[in-house]
């Protein structure tokens, strides 16, 4: 049923009903009624708002609601990773309805840097070890730094 799919989608994204309501402009009581099966399938206009609140494709919600028949399986195109540092710096961000200031964004960057410093250090050590191994391998083959053989 649509209401089960909507609830599963919301929970999979990690949103509360209140968060979806704030993000979409649809009242929390209406969303709750839909999810509990007390309301029918919402109109396409409401689905458009919910798609924004759930950060989900409008077409997917329209298919789940039965307004569109799937012609083919909807597979999202592969996307390149987003540079999170650039994303934080270049976008207006909000958390729980609070607009983040430049200072807030700087703290988020600092926290993320601290969170991943071990991984970054481990990668640097691996690259250093690989470079050292490559240099040793070149020496073992009797090649001197100017590219000639001994």
Foldseek 3Di string as FASTA:
>chain_A
DLLCVLVVLCVVLPHDLVQLCVQQVPDSVVNVCSNVVVDAQDDLVSLVSSCRSSVHDSVVSCVSNPVDPDPDDDDDDDDDDDPVLCVLVPDFDDDPNRTDDPVNSVVVVVVVCVVCVVVVVVVVVVVVVVVVVVVVVCVVVQADPVGDGD
